[in-house]
């Protein structure tokens, strides 16, 4: 049985030379940055009907893709918000093939800048290798309370199939707990560096 796509976008019918996604067309995208529509010169936001479209980090949206591979997030009111590479990752494709997200786990507490630079650097490397990544350093934590942060991170972990550890994870109370949860749920647990090294071979 053929399932019609939710959004009929140009890339489903024709893909120009240089189209970046090969034979696949994005179906849903997950934001890795918060993006707001840009005002137009002179007229500002008068070209927008209703609220100014904003896609918040970690949110997932249906995608519209043109023949050249330009992607837009489709808002709940039907408006499209154009996205740039590096602002999103593809979660699912129109052929219904899901990317299996990888959750990054590592030490934060007591480290300079909460070790965020290491998390961001590894997330960028994994995404460049084609992986969907949930990076806890990108998750919006309304409070900085350790237990509140961990609760939100564990919810994000539940979306994943693989947990990739950063160096020093074994010295982190939170990361050790995340690894235990992942192992008990039958997820793959692997060193992030080993994952990249294996794929490079």
Protein backbone atom coordinates (compact mmCIF):
# COMPACT_ATOMS: atom_id res chain seq x y z
CA UNK A 1 0.00 0.00 0.00
CA UNK A 2 1.37 3.44 -0.96
CA UNK A 3 1.13 6.10 1.73
CA UNK A 4 0.84 9.62 0.36
CA UNK A 5 3.31 12.05 1.92
CA UNK A 6 1.89 14.63 4.31
CA UNK A 7 3.50 17.50 2.40
CA UNK A 8 3.79 17.47 -1.37
CA UNK A 9 7.08 19.31 -1.92
CA UNK A 10 9.05 19.88 -5.16
CA UNK A 11 11.89 17.50 -4.18
CA UNK A 12 9.47 14.57 -4.28
CA UNK A 13 9.03 15.12 -8.03
CA UNK A 14 12.34 16.53 -9.26
CA UNK A 15 15.81 16.91 -7.76
CA UNK A 16 18.28 19.25 -9.41
CA UNK A 17 21.96 18.50 -9.90
CA UNK A 18 23.75 19.09 -6.61
CA UNK A 19 20.67 18.18 -4.52
CA UNK A 20 22.28 17.34 -1.14
CA UNK A 21 20.16 14.42 0.10
CA UNK A 22 20.73 11.88 -2.68
CA UNK A 23 17.59 9.91 -3.46
CA UNK A 24 15.85 10.84 -0.22
CA UNK A 25 13.60 13.74 0.75
CA UNK A 26 13.35 15.02 4.35
CA UNK A 27 9.99 14.31 5.99
CA UNK A 28 10.61 15.71 9.48
CA UNK A 29 13.47 17.78 10.89
CA UNK A 30 14.67 18.40 14.43
CA UNK A 31 16.08 21.80 15.29
CA UNK A 32 19.65 21.98 16.59
CA UNK A 33 19.41 25.78 16.93
CA UNK A 34 16.56 28.18 17.62
CA UNK A 35 15.65 30.01 14.41
CA UNK A 36 13.31 32.96 13.84
CA UNK A 37 12.16 34.36 10.49
CA UNK A 38 14.30 37.24 9.21
CA UNK A 39 12.72 40.63 8.59
CA UNK A 40 12.72 41.79 4.96
CA UNK A 41 14.55 45.00 4.06
CA UNK A 42 12.29 48.06 4.39
CA UNK A 43 9.07 46.10 5.05
CA UNK A 44 10.22 44.17 8.12
CA UNK A 45 7.73 41.43 9.06
CA UNK A 46 4.74 42.81 7.14
CA UNK A 47 5.08 39.90 4.69
CA UNK A 48 4.14 37.48 7.49
CA UNK A 49 0.52 36.78 8.33
CA UNK A 50 0.06 36.05 12.04
CA UNK A 51 2.86 35.26 14.46
CA UNK A 52 6.50 35.48 13.35
CA UNK A 53 7.60 31.86 12.74
CA UNK A 54 10.08 30.57 15.30
CA UNK A 55 11.52 27.05 15.51
CA UNK A 56 12.93 26.30 18.94
CA UNK A 57 15.92 24.05 19.51
CA UNK A 58 14.96 20.36 19.99
CA UNK A 59 11.51 20.85 18.40
CA UNK A 60 10.55 18.61 15.48
CA UNK A 61 8.71 19.90 12.41
CA UNK A 62 7.39 18.54 9.15
CA UNK A 63 9.68 19.59 6.31
CA UNK A 64 9.15 21.19 2.90
CA UNK A 65 12.08 20.77 0.50
CA UNK A 66 12.61 22.34 -2.92
CA UNK A 67 14.32 20.73 -5.90
CA UNK A 68 17.70 22.18 -4.90
CA UNK A 69 17.56 20.87 -1.33
CA UNK A 70 16.52 24.05 0.49
CA UNK A 71 14.54 22.97 3.56
CA UNK A 72 11.79 24.81 5.41
CA UNK A 73 10.15 23.86 8.71
CA UNK A 74 6.36 23.84 8.41
CA UNK A 75 4.78 25.56 11.40
CA UNK A 76 1.53 24.37 12.98
CA UNK A 77 -0.31 27.28 11.29
CA UNK A 78 1.03 26.23 7.87
CA UNK A 79 3.69 28.94 7.54
CA UNK A 80 7.12 27.85 6.34
CA UNK A 81 10.36 28.91 8.00
CA UNK A 82 13.42 28.57 5.78
CA UNK A 83 16.32 26.75 7.43
CA UNK A 84 20.05 26.76 6.79
CA UNK A 85 22.37 23.73 7.02
CA UNK A 86 23.55 23.37 10.59
CA UNK A 87 20.24 24.63 12.02
CA UNK A 88 18.49 21.26 11.73
CA UNK A 89 18.99 17.54 11.34
CA UNK A 90 16.75 15.17 9.41
CA UNK A 91 14.74 12.87 11.69
CA UNK A 92 12.72 10.94 9.11
CA UNK A 93 12.58 10.72 5.34
CA UNK A 94 9.58 10.45 3.03
CA UNK A 95 10.51 6.81 2.46
CA UNK A 96 9.72 6.35 6.19
CA UNK A 97 13.31 5.43 7.04
CA UNK A 98 14.02 6.89 10.47
CA UNK A 99 17.43 7.99 11.56
CA UNK A 100 18.20 6.37 14.88
CA UNK A 101 19.16 9.26 17.17
CA UNK A 102 22.34 9.11 19.21
CA UNK A 103 22.33 10.58 22.71
CA UNK A 104 25.59 12.13 23.91
CA UNK A 105 26.50 11.42 27.51
CA UNK A 106 29.45 12.80 29.41
CA UNK A 107 30.66 14.81 32.37
CA UNK A 108 29.44 18.37 32.96
CA UNK A 109 29.36 19.24 36.65
CA UNK A 110 32.52 20.93 37.90
CA UNK A 111 34.08 21.35 34.45
CA UNK A 112 34.83 24.64 32.68
CA UNK A 113 31.72 25.84 30.79
CA UNK A 114 30.03 22.60 31.97
CA UNK A 115 32.08 20.83 29.28
CA UNK A 116 29.70 22.21 26.65
CA UNK A 117 32.49 22.81 24.08
CA UNK A 118 33.30 19.08 24.06
CA UNK A 119 29.61 18.19 23.68
CA UNK A 120 29.13 20.67 20.82
CA UNK A 121 32.30 19.57 19.03
CA UNK A 122 31.35 15.88 19.16
CA UNK A 123 27.75 16.60 18.12
CA UNK A 124 29.06 18.50 15.09
CA UNK A 125 31.37 15.63 14.12
CA UNK A 126 28.61 13.03 14.43
CA UNK A 127 26.17 15.16 12.46
CA UNK A 128 28.78 15.67 9.75
CA UNK A 129 29.00 11.88 9.56
CA UNK A 130 25.25 11.74 8.94
CA UNK A 131 23.90 10.95 12.41
CA UNK A 132 20.92 12.49 14.17
CA UNK A 133 22.19 13.60 17.58
CA UNK A 134 20.54 14.64 20.81
CA UNK A 135 23.05 16.81 22.62
CA UNK A 136 22.09 17.55 26.26
CA UNK A 137 24.19 20.73 26.06
CA UNK A 138 21.56 22.03 23.58
CA UNK A 139 18.52 21.14 25.69
CA UNK A 140 16.70 24.05 27.28
CA UNK A 141 16.85 23.60 31.05
CA UNK A 142 14.55 26.12 32.80
CA UNK A 143 16.47 25.68 36.05
CA UNK A 144 20.08 24.75 36.70
CA UNK A 145 19.16 22.33 39.47
CA UNK A 146 21.06 19.08 38.83
CA UNK A 147 18.07 16.79 39.35
CA UNK A 148 15.80 18.94 37.14
CA UNK A 149 18.39 18.91 34.36
CA UNK A 150 18.86 15.15 34.63
CA UNK A 151 15.10 14.52 34.49
CA UNK A 152 14.84 16.49 31.24
CA UNK A 153 17.93 14.78 29.82
CA UNK A 154 16.55 11.32 30.60
CA UNK A 155 13.34 12.18 28.74
CA UNK A 156 15.51 13.08 25.72
CA UNK A 157 17.48 9.84 26.13
CA UNK A 158 14.23 7.89 25.73
CA UNK A 159 14.00 9.10 22.10
CA UNK A 160 17.29 7.42 21.21
CA UNK A 161 18.55 4.00 20.18
CA UNK A 162 22.22 4.61 20.94
CA UNK A 163 24.10 6.33 23.75
CA UNK A 164 27.57 7.63 22.87
CA UNK A 165 29.87 8.49 25.74
CA UNK A 166 32.38 11.31 25.94
CA UNK A 167 35.73 11.04 27.66
CA UNK A 168 35.45 11.03 31.44
CA UNK A 169 31.84 9.84 31.54
CA UNK A 170 32.70 7.21 34.15
CA UNK A 171 33.51 10.00 36.65
CA UNK A 172 30.10 11.66 36.22
CA UNK A 173 27.21 10.64 38.45
CA UNK A 174 24.66 11.74 35.84
CA UNK A 175 26.40 10.10 32.89
CA UNK A 176 26.83 6.82 34.81
CA UNK A 177 23.08 6.83 35.51
CA UNK A 178 22.32 7.50 31.83
CA UNK A 179 24.54 4.58 30.80
CA UNK A 180 22.82 2.25 33.29
CA UNK A 181 19.39 3.27 31.98
CA UNK A 182 20.49 2.80 28.36
CA UNK A 183 21.97 -0.65 29.07
CA UNK A 184 18.90 -1.82 30.99
CA UNK A 185 16.69 -0.71 28.09
CA UNK A 186 18.80 -2.63 25.58
CA UNK A 187 20.23 0.43 23.84
CA UNK A 188 23.64 0.37 22.20
CA UNK A 189 26.26 2.04 24.41
CA UNK A 190 29.48 3.04 22.66
CA UNK A 191 32.30 5.54 22.98
CA UNK A 192 31.62 8.50 20.68
CA UNK A 193 35.27 8.50 19.56
CA UNK A 194 35.18 4.77 18.84
CA UNK A 195 31.96 5.22 16.83
CA UNK A 196 33.61 7.79 14.58
CA UNK A 197 36.84 5.77 14.30
CA UNK A 198 34.97 2.61 13.30
CA UNK A 199 33.02 4.44 10.60
CA UNK A 200 36.18 6.01 9.21
CA UNK A 201 37.72 2.58 8.55
